[in-house]
């Protein structure tokens, strides 16, 4: 597998037209915003990749073989800087032929430019502020211990929730942003375990999607590939299912 290094300019990521193909929304939304001049990016036949230096994370989009070549090239050139990667489904197995990897997870990067139909229960959604952070954190710890982002995290633009008749939170969620581009990202949607199946999560997700689309023109999210209920909900809300990804950590070398 060969990889070619181009000058580190954002424009280099778009010279192949990959951003217009199905399966490349992560490139279109994840790397579209102009970045500093020292940003590292790579391009090869059928794939592009770029480095989020703060995390040591290489993002890649395109054909799995070409993407794996770029990930391997980055890891070989920058062994102290590259710690993990995300690529199209199949990239993990190809990288594993040459480097030890761990914590492999299959994801789907989903997005929509459209407002969903109004879902029953959306009228109960309220915006939450900094004074609610402790309440939100306690709720997430109880009902979604593996939440992706928490109150006070950088990149969060909004927290929203639904309260029960007693005033307690029964659902919450956030609008965050993709670290590399600033694109709106729905995150940490959680429902009280005792009240699941009542449409609370669907109402909150629909409300957050509409909020993002009205302000940014689209909304994105990450979905675990084996989460069937989420798959059905996001499809019903209009989220596209094109970007099948795999993420993994490069084990100690």
C-alpha atoms as a PDB file:
ATOM      1  CA  UNK A   1       0.000   0.000   0.000  1.00  0.00           C
ATOM      2  CA  UNK A   2       1.406   3.346  -1.059  1.00  0.00           C
ATOM      3  CA  UNK A   3       0.502   6.784   0.169  1.00  0.00           C
ATOM      4  CA  UNK A   4       1.448  10.174  -1.222  1.00  0.00           C
ATOM      5  CA  UNK A   5       1.947  13.284   0.892  1.00  0.00           C
ATOM      6  CA  UNK A   6       0.671  16.547  -0.540  1.00  0.00           C
ATOM      7  CA  UNK A   7       1.229  20.046   0.867  1.00  0.00           C
ATOM      8  CA  UNK A   8      -0.906  20.415   4.006  1.00  0.00           C
ATOM      9  CA  UNK A   9      -3.708  22.548   2.592  1.00  0.00           C
ATOM     10  CA  UNK A  10      -7.397  21.829   3.064  1.00  0.00           C
ATOM     11  CA  UNK A  11      -7.934  22.126  -0.679  1.00  0.00           C
ATOM     12  CA  UNK A  12      -5.786  19.020  -1.182  1.00  0.00           C
ATOM     13  CA  UNK A  13      -8.538  16.901   0.369  1.00  0.00           C
ATOM     14  CA  UNK A  14     -10.971  17.781  -2.405  1.00  0.00           C
ATOM     15  CA  UNK A  15      -8.898  17.342  -5.566  1.00  0.00           C
ATOM     16  CA  UNK A  16     -10.416  13.932  -6.410  1.00  0.00           C
ATOM     17  CA  UNK A  17     -14.080  14.864  -6.092  1.00  0.00           C
ATOM     18  CA  UNK A  18     -14.538  12.279  -3.356  1.00  0.00           C
ATOM     19  CA  UNK A  19     -16.673  14.649  -1.337  1.00  0.00           C
ATOM     20  CA  UNK A  20     -19.464  14.305  -3.903  1.00  0.00           C
ATOM     21  CA  UNK A  21     -19.661  10.511  -3.765  1.00  0.00           C
ATOM     22  CA  UNK A  22     -21.922   8.417  -1.514  1.00  0.00           C
ATOM     23  CA  UNK A  23     -19.942   7.354   1.522  1.00  0.00           C
ATOM     24  CA  UNK A  24     -17.847  10.497   1.701  1.00  0.00           C
ATOM     25  CA  UNK A  25     -20.043  12.722   3.860  1.00  0.00           C
ATOM     26  CA  UNK A  26     -17.418  12.509   6.604  1.00  0.00           C
ATOM     27  CA  UNK A  27     -15.020  14.275   4.245  1.00  0.00           C
ATOM     28  CA  UNK A  28     -17.600  16.823   3.138  1.00  0.00           C
ATOM     29  CA  UNK A  29     -18.713  17.725   6.647  1.00  0.00           C
ATOM     30  CA  UNK A  30     -15.673  16.722   8.677  1.00  0.00           C
ATOM     31  CA  UNK A  31     -12.997  18.569   6.738  1.00  0.00           C
ATOM     32  CA  UNK A  32     -14.772  21.310   4.848  1.00  0.00           C
ATOM     33  CA  UNK A  33     -13.931  24.209   7.122  1.00  0.00           C
ATOM     34  CA  UNK A  34     -10.632  25.959   6.477  1.00  0.00           C
ATOM     35  CA  UNK A  35      -7.918  24.864   8.886  1.00  0.00           C
ATOM     36  CA  UNK A  36      -4.510  26.279   9.916  1.00  0.00           C
ATOM     37  CA  UNK A  37      -1.711  26.143   7.381  1.00  0.00           C
ATOM     38  CA  UNK A  38       0.131  23.435   9.320  1.00  0.00           C
ATOM     39  CA  UNK A  39      -2.705  20.920   9.065  1.00  0.00           C
ATOM     40  CA  UNK A  40      -1.447  17.557   7.808  1.00  0.00           C
ATOM     41  CA  UNK A  41      -3.352  15.811   5.038  1.00  0.00           C
ATOM     42  CA  UNK A  42      -2.595  13.037   2.599  1.00  0.00           C
ATOM     43  CA  UNK A  43      -4.040  11.943  -0.722  1.00  0.00           C
ATOM     44  CA  UNK A  44      -3.735   8.754  -2.770  1.00  0.00           C
ATOM     45  CA  UNK A  45      -5.665   7.154  -5.634  1.00  0.00           C
ATOM     46  CA  UNK A  46      -9.234   6.832  -4.355  1.00  0.00           C
ATOM     47  CA  UNK A  47      -8.789   8.116  -0.806  1.00  0.00           C
ATOM     48  CA  UNK A  48      -7.823  11.085   1.342  1.00  0.00           C
ATOM     49  CA  UNK A  49      -6.833  11.364   4.996  1.00  0.00           C
ATOM     50  CA  UNK A  50      -6.175  14.103   7.516  1.00  0.00           C
ATOM     51  CA  UNK A  51      -4.766  14.277  11.031  1.00  0.00           C
ATOM     52  CA  UNK A  52      -6.506  15.637  14.103  1.00  0.00           C
ATOM     53  CA  UNK A  53      -3.284  16.352  15.932  1.00  0.00           C
ATOM     54  CA  UNK A  54      -4.897  17.082  19.295  1.00  0.00           C
ATOM     55  CA  UNK A  55      -6.196  13.511  19.485  1.00  0.00           C
ATOM     56  CA  UNK A  56      -3.609  11.763  17.361  1.00  0.00           C
ATOM     57  CA  UNK A  57      -6.516  10.616  15.180  1.00  0.00           C
ATOM     58  CA  UNK A  58      -6.257  10.018  11.431  1.00  0.00           C
ATOM     59  CA  UNK A  59      -9.533  10.356   9.527  1.00  0.00           C
ATOM     60  CA  UNK A  60      -9.723   8.690   6.125  1.00  0.00           C
ATOM     61  CA  UNK A  61     -12.363   8.536   3.389  1.00  0.00           C
ATOM     62  CA  UNK A  62     -12.505   6.618   0.123  1.00  0.00           C
ATOM     63  CA  UNK A  63     -11.807   3.058  -0.934  1.00  0.00           C
ATOM     64  CA  UNK A  64     -10.714   0.799   1.961  1.00  0.00           C
ATOM     65  CA  UNK A  65      -7.424  -0.343   0.393  1.00  0.00           C
ATOM     66  CA  UNK A  66      -6.376   3.202  -0.485  1.00  0.00           C
ATOM     67  CA  UNK A  67      -7.543   4.554   2.882  1.00  0.00           C
ATOM     68  CA  UNK A  68      -5.627   1.861   4.760  1.00  0.00           C
ATOM     69  CA  UNK A  69      -2.510   2.809   2.807  1.00  0.00           C
ATOM     70  CA  UNK A  70      -2.833   6.406   3.925  1.00  0.00           C
ATOM     71  CA  UNK A  71      -3.390   5.411   7.562  1.00  0.00           C
ATOM     72  CA  UNK A  72      -0.340   3.146   7.487  1.00  0.00           C
ATOM     73  CA  UNK A  73       1.739   5.823   5.813  1.00  0.00           C
ATOM     74  CA  UNK A  74       0.776   8.364   8.456  1.00  0.00           C
ATOM     75  CA  UNK A  75       1.516   5.906  11.278  1.00  0.00           C
ATOM     76  CA  UNK A  76       4.914   5.065   9.812  1.00  0.00           C
ATOM     77  CA  UNK A  77       5.925   8.682   9.259  1.00  0.00           C
ATOM     78  CA  UNK A  78       4.530   9.961  12.549  1.00  0.00           C
ATOM     79  CA  UNK A  79       4.685   7.024  14.982  1.00  0.00           C
ATOM     80  CA  UNK A  80       4.574   9.261  18.058  1.00  0.00           C
ATOM     81  CA  UNK A  81       1.636  11.320  16.800  1.00  0.00           C
ATOM     82  CA  UNK A  82      -0.760   8.789  15.260  1.00  0.00           C
ATOM     83  CA  UNK A  83      -2.630   6.868  17.960  1.00  0.00           C
ATOM     84  CA  UNK A  84      -5.991   5.966  16.379  1.00  0.00           C
ATOM     85  CA  UNK A  85      -7.901   6.155  13.125  1.00  0.00           C
ATOM     86  CA  UNK A  86     -11.311   6.111  11.468  1.00  0.00           C
ATOM     87  CA  UNK A  87     -11.814   4.860   7.941  1.00  0.00           C
ATOM     88  CA  UNK A  88     -14.315   3.223   5.595  1.00  0.00           C
ATOM     89  CA  UNK A  89     -15.505  -0.256   6.631  1.00  0.00           C
ATOM     90  CA  UNK A  90     -12.749  -2.748   5.841  1.00  0.00           C
ATOM     91  CA  UNK A  91      -9.879  -0.387   6.671  1.00  0.00           C
ATOM     92  CA  UNK A  92      -9.358  -1.915  10.111  1.00  0.00           C
ATOM     93  CA  UNK A  93      -8.681  -5.428   8.840  1.00  0.00           C
ATOM     94  CA  UNK A  94      -6.245  -4.101   6.246  1.00  0.00           C
ATOM     95  CA  UNK A  95      -4.330  -1.968   8.744  1.00  0.00           C
ATOM     96  CA  UNK A  96      -4.228  -4.936  11.165  1.00  0.00           C
ATOM     97  CA  UNK A  97      -2.141  -6.896   8.658  1.00  0.00           C
ATOM     98  CA  UNK A  98       0.714  -4.485   9.324  1.00  0.00           C
ATOM     99  CA  UNK A  99       0.081  -2.902  12.739  1.00  0.00           C
ATOM    100  CA  UNK A 100      -1.503  -4.198  15.952  1.00  0.00           C
ATOM    101  CA  UNK A 101      -4.856  -2.533  16.576  1.00  0.00           C
ATOM    102  CA  UNK A 102      -7.335  -2.635  19.457  1.00  0.00           C
ATOM    103  CA  UNK A 103     -10.777  -1.330  20.490  1.00  0.00           C
ATOM    104  CA  UNK A 104     -12.235  -1.842  17.017  1.00  0.00           C
ATOM    105  CA  UNK A 105     -15.750  -0.391  16.653  1.00  0.00           C
ATOM    106  CA  UNK A 106     -18.037  -0.291  13.619  1.00  0.00           C
ATOM    107  CA  UNK A 107     -19.853   3.020  13.232  1.00  0.00           C
ATOM    108  CA  UNK A 108     -22.164   4.745  10.782  1.00  0.00           C
ATOM    109  CA  UNK A 109     -21.682   8.452  10.146  1.00  0.00           C
ATOM    110  CA  UNK A 110     -25.163   9.813   9.331  1.00  0.00           C
ATOM    111  CA  UNK A 111     -26.427  13.194   8.222  1.00  0.00           C
ATOM    112  CA  UNK A 112     -29.505  15.018   6.993  1.00  0.00           C
ATOM    113  CA  UNK A 113     -30.129  18.424   5.397  1.00  0.00           C
ATOM    114  CA  UNK A 114     -33.872  18.169   6.000  1.00  0.00           C
ATOM    115  CA  UNK A 115     -36.120  19.008   8.923  1.00  0.00           C
ATOM    116  CA  UNK A 116     -37.983  15.889  10.087  1.00  0.00           C
ATOM    117  CA  UNK A 117     -41.761  15.832  10.561  1.00  0.00           C
ATOM    118  CA  UNK A 118     -42.768  17.148  13.977  1.00  0.00           C
ATOM    119  CA  UNK A 119     -42.760  14.250  16.425  1.00  0.00           C
ATOM    120  CA  UNK A 120     -45.283  13.908  19.278  1.00  0.00           C
ATOM    121  CA  UNK A 121     -43.736  15.208  22.488  1.00  0.00           C
ATOM    122  CA  UNK A 122     -41.474  17.844  20.926  1.00  0.00           C
ATOM    123  CA  UNK A 123     -43.520  20.557  22.662  1.00  0.00           C
ATOM    124  CA  UNK A 124     -42.084  19.261  25.958  1.00  0.00           C
ATOM    125  CA  UNK A 125     -38.458  19.893  24.961  1.00  0.00           C
ATOM    126  CA  UNK A 126     -36.752  22.766  26.791  1.00  0.00           C
ATOM    127  CA  UNK A 127     -33.296  24.277  26.444  1.00  0.00           C
ATOM    128  CA  UNK A 128     -30.950  23.758  29.388  1.00  0.00           C
ATOM    129  CA  UNK A 129     -28.146  26.037  30.502  1.00  0.00           C
ATOM    130  CA  UNK A 130     -25.017  26.025  32.601  1.00  0.00           C
ATOM    131  CA  UNK A 131     -26.995  25.991  35.850  1.00  0.00           C
ATOM    132  CA  UNK A 132     -28.317  22.560  34.830  1.00  0.00           C
ATOM    133  CA  UNK A 133     -24.890  20.983  34.285  1.00  0.00           C
ATOM    134  CA  UNK A 134     -24.761  19.064  37.553  1.00  0.00           C
ATOM    135  CA  UNK A 135     -28.269  17.735  36.966  1.00  0.00           C
ATOM    136  CA  UNK A 136     -27.361  16.686  33.431  1.00  0.00           C
ATOM    137  CA  UNK A 137     -24.183  14.970  34.530  1.00  0.00           C
ATOM    138  CA  UNK A 138     -25.988  12.986  37.222  1.00  0.00           C
ATOM    139  CA  UNK A 139     -28.676  11.969  34.721  1.00  0.00           C
ATOM    140  CA  UNK A 140     -26.124  10.820  32.139  1.00  0.00           C
ATOM    141  CA  UNK A 141     -24.128   8.885  34.700  1.00  0.00           C
ATOM    142  CA  UNK A 142     -27.244   6.955  35.681  1.00  0.00           C
ATOM    143  CA  UNK A 143     -28.914   6.412  32.323  1.00  0.00           C
ATOM    144  CA  UNK A 144     -26.065   6.602  29.772  1.00  0.00           C
ATOM    145  CA  UNK A 145     -22.699   5.919  31.464  1.00  0.00           C
ATOM    146  CA  UNK A 146     -20.916   5.659  28.098  1.00  0.00           C
ATOM    147  CA  UNK A 147     -22.158   9.069  26.878  1.00  0.00           C
ATOM    148  CA  UNK A 148     -19.894  10.637  24.273  1.00  0.00           C
ATOM    149  CA  UNK A 149     -19.788  14.132  25.713  1.00  0.00           C
ATOM    150  CA  UNK A 150     -20.777  15.743  28.982  1.00  0.00           C
ATOM    151  CA  UNK A 151     -21.805  19.120  30.381  1.00  0.00           C
ATOM    152  CA  UNK A 152     -19.002  21.642  30.106  1.00  0.00           C
ATOM    153  CA  UNK A 153     -17.265  19.803  27.266  1.00  0.00           C
ATOM    154  CA  UNK A 154     -15.770  21.973  24.550  1.00  0.00           C
ATOM    155  CA  UNK A 155     -17.739  22.266  21.345  1.00  0.00           C
ATOM    156  CA  UNK A 156     -21.180  22.013  22.966  1.00  0.00           C
ATOM    157  CA  UNK A 157     -23.566  24.686  21.659  1.00  0.00           C
ATOM    158  CA  UNK A 158     -26.782  23.478  23.287  1.00  0.00           C
ATOM    159  CA  UNK A 159     -28.235  21.082  25.843  1.00  0.00           C
ATOM    160  CA  UNK A 160     -31.937  20.227  25.706  1.00  0.00           C
ATOM    161  CA  UNK A 161     -34.167  18.004  27.797  1.00  0.00           C
ATOM    162  CA  UNK A 162     -37.641  16.759  28.619  1.00  0.00           C
ATOM    163  CA  UNK A 163     -39.001  16.791  32.176  1.00  0.00           C
ATOM    164  CA  UNK A 164     -41.582  14.534  33.762  1.00  0.00           C
ATOM    165  CA  UNK A 165     -44.604  15.660  35.722  1.00  0.00           C
ATOM    166  CA  UNK A 166     -42.466  15.839  38.870  1.00  0.00           C
ATOM    167  CA  UNK A 167     -40.001  18.198  37.193  1.00  0.00           C
ATOM    168  CA  UNK A 168     -37.197  15.683  36.934  1.00  0.00           C
ATOM    169  CA  UNK A 169     -35.318  15.051  33.699  1.00  0.00           C
ATOM    170  CA  UNK A 170     -36.557  12.064  31.722  1.00  0.00           C
ATOM    171  CA  UNK A 171     -34.488  12.685  28.569  1.00  0.00           C
ATOM    172  CA  UNK A 172     -31.608  14.879  27.447  1.00  0.00           C
ATOM    173  CA  UNK A 173     -29.324  15.465  24.496  1.00  0.00           C
ATOM    174  CA  UNK A 174     -26.791  17.909  23.116  1.00  0.00           C
ATOM    175  CA  UNK A 175     -25.663  19.597  19.956  1.00  0.00           C
ATOM    176  CA  UNK A 176     -21.905  19.397  19.797  1.00  0.00           C
ATOM    177  CA  UNK A 177     -19.574  19.783  16.817  1.00  0.00           C
ATOM    178  CA  UNK A 178     -17.190  17.657  14.819  1.00  0.00           C
ATOM    179  CA  UNK A 179     -13.810  18.450  16.310  1.00  0.00           C
ATOM    180  CA  UNK A 180     -12.004  18.944  13.016  1.00  0.00           C
ATOM    181  CA  UNK A 181     -14.568  21.088  11.190  1.00  0.00           C
ATOM    182  CA  UNK A 182     -17.085  22.529  13.634  1.00  0.00           C
ATOM    183  CA  UNK A 183     -20.033  20.882  11.826  1.00  0.00           C
ATOM    184  CA  UNK A 184     -23.112  20.327  14.076  1.00  0.00           C
ATOM    185  CA  UNK A 185     -23.124  16.902  15.720  1.00  0.00           C
ATOM    186  CA  UNK A 186     -25.927  15.444  17.824  1.00  0.00           C
ATOM    187  CA  UNK A 187     -24.515  13.730  20.907  1.00  0.00           C
ATOM    188  CA  UNK A 188     -25.297  12.153  24.284  1.00  0.00           C
ATOM    189  CA  UNK A 189     -29.009  11.575  23.720  1.00  0.00           C
ATOM    190  CA  UNK A 190     -30.258   9.630  26.759  1.00  0.00           C
ATOM    191  CA  UNK A 191     -33.628   8.556  28.154  1.00  0.00           C
ATOM    192  CA  UNK A 192     -34.600   7.523  31.671  1.00  0.00           C
ATOM    193  CA  UNK A 193     -34.365   3.741  31.621  1.00  0.00           C
ATOM    194  CA  UNK A 194     -37.734   3.458  33.359  1.00  0.00           C
ATOM    195  CA  UNK A 195     -39.515   5.478  30.678  1.00  0.00           C
ATOM    196  CA  UNK A 196     -38.092   4.073  27.471  1.00  0.00           C
ATOM    197  CA  UNK A 197     -40.522   3.083  24.772  1.00  0.00           C
ATOM    198  CA  UNK A 198     -42.647   6.222  25.200  1.00  0.00           C
ATOM    199  CA  UNK A 199     -41.098   8.184  22.326  1.00  0.00           C
ATOM    200  CA  UNK A 200     -39.119  10.582  24.518  1.00  0.00           C
ATOM    201  CA  UNK A 201     -35.823   9.933  22.761  1.00  0.00           C
ATOM    202  CA  UNK A 202     -37.492  10.253  19.370  1.00  0.00           C
ATOM    203  CA  UNK A 203     -39.077  13.580  20.327  1.00  0.00           C
ATOM    204  CA  UNK A 204     -35.786  14.964  21.601  1.00  0.00           C
ATOM    205  CA  UNK A 205     -33.813  13.709  18.598  1.00  0.00           C
ATOM    206  CA  UNK A 206     -36.329  15.195  16.188  1.00  0.00           C
ATOM    207  CA  UNK A 207     -36.246  18.536  18.025  1.00  0.00           C
ATOM    208  CA  UNK A 208     -32.431  18.682  18.037  1.00  0.00           C
ATOM    209  CA  UNK A 209     -32.283  17.758  14.348  1.00  0.00           C
ATOM    210  CA  UNK A 210     -34.691  20.549  13.436  1.00  0.00           C
ATOM    211  CA  UNK A 211     -32.739  23.031  15.586  1.00  0.00           C
ATOM    212  CA  UNK A 212     -29.463  22.170  13.816  1.00  0.00           C
ATOM    213  CA  UNK A 213     -30.933  22.160  10.298  1.00  0.00           C
ATOM    214  CA  UNK A 214     -32.521  25.587  10.796  1.00  0.00           C
ATOM    215  CA  UNK A 215     -29.272  27.119  12.039  1.00  0.00           C
ATOM    216  CA  UNK A 216     -26.624  25.231  10.063  1.00  0.00           C
ATOM    217  CA  UNK A 217     -28.411  23.666   7.104  1.00  0.00           C
ATOM    218  CA  UNK A 218     -27.770  20.091   8.233  1.00  0.00           C
ATOM    219  CA  UNK A 219     -27.145  17.852  11.229  1.00  0.00           C
ATOM    220  CA  UNK A 220     -24.757  14.920  11.686  1.00  0.00           C
ATOM    221  CA  UNK A 221     -24.421  12.090  14.180  1.00  0.00           C
ATOM    222  CA  UNK A 222     -22.506   8.897  14.900  1.00  0.00           C
ATOM    223  CA  UNK A 223     -24.435   5.647  15.295  1.00  0.00           C
ATOM    224  CA  UNK A 224     -23.095   2.329  16.513  1.00  0.00           C
ATOM    225  CA  UNK A 225     -23.576  -0.094  13.632  1.00  0.00           C
ATOM    226  CA  UNK A 226     -25.265  -2.741  15.785  1.00  0.00           C
ATOM    227  CA  UNK A 227     -27.794  -0.372  17.394  1.00  0.00           C
ATOM    228  CA  UNK A 228     -30.966  -1.516  15.624  1.00  0.00           C
ATOM    229  CA  UNK A 229     -33.413   0.802  17.473  1.00  0.00           C
ATOM    230  CA  UNK A 230     -31.257   3.838  16.649  1.00  0.00           C
ATOM    231  CA  UNK A 231     -30.995   2.654  13.057  1.00  0.00           C
ATOM    232  CA  UNK A 232     -34.772   2.615  12.713  1.00  0.00           C
ATOM    233  CA  UNK A 233     -35.232   5.974  14.428  1.00  0.00           C
ATOM    234  CA  UNK A 234     -32.596   7.854  12.442  1.00  0.00           C
ATOM    235  CA  UNK A 235     -33.855   6.395   9.177  1.00  0.00           C
ATOM    236  CA  UNK A 236     -37.392   7.512  10.065  1.00  0.00           C
ATOM    237  CA  UNK A 237     -36.080  11.023  10.780  1.00  0.00           C
ATOM    238  CA  UNK A 238     -34.422  11.186   7.352  1.00  0.00           C
ATOM    239  CA  UNK A 239     -30.762  10.593   8.248  1.00  0.00           C
ATOM    240  CA  UNK A 240     -28.787   9.148   5.352  1.00  0.00           C
ATOM    241  CA  UNK A 241     -27.016   5.835   5.840  1.00  0.00           C
ATOM    242  CA  UNK A 242     -24.072   5.933   3.442  1.00  0.00           C
ATOM    243  CA  UNK A 243     -20.891   6.213   5.489  1.00  0.00           C
ATOM    244  CA  UNK A 244     -20.033   2.838   7.026  1.00  0.00           C
ATOM    245  CA  UNK A 245     -16.929   3.376   9.144  1.00  0.00           C
ATOM    246  CA  UNK A 246     -14.579   1.545  11.440  1.00  0.00           C
ATOM    247  CA  UNK A 247     -12.567   3.133  14.242  1.00  0.00           C
ATOM    248  CA  UNK A 248      -9.652   1.577  16.091  1.00  0.00           C
ATOM    249  CA  UNK A 249      -6.727   2.373  18.321  1.00  0.00           C
ATOM    250  CA  UNK A 250      -3.194   1.539  17.241  1.00  0.00           C
ATOM    251  CA  UNK A 251      -1.869  -0.713  20.005  1.00  0.00           C
ATOM    252  CA  UNK A 252       1.509  -0.078  21.615  1.00  0.00           C
ATOM    253  CA  UNK A 253       4.241  -0.721  19.116  1.00  0.00           C
END
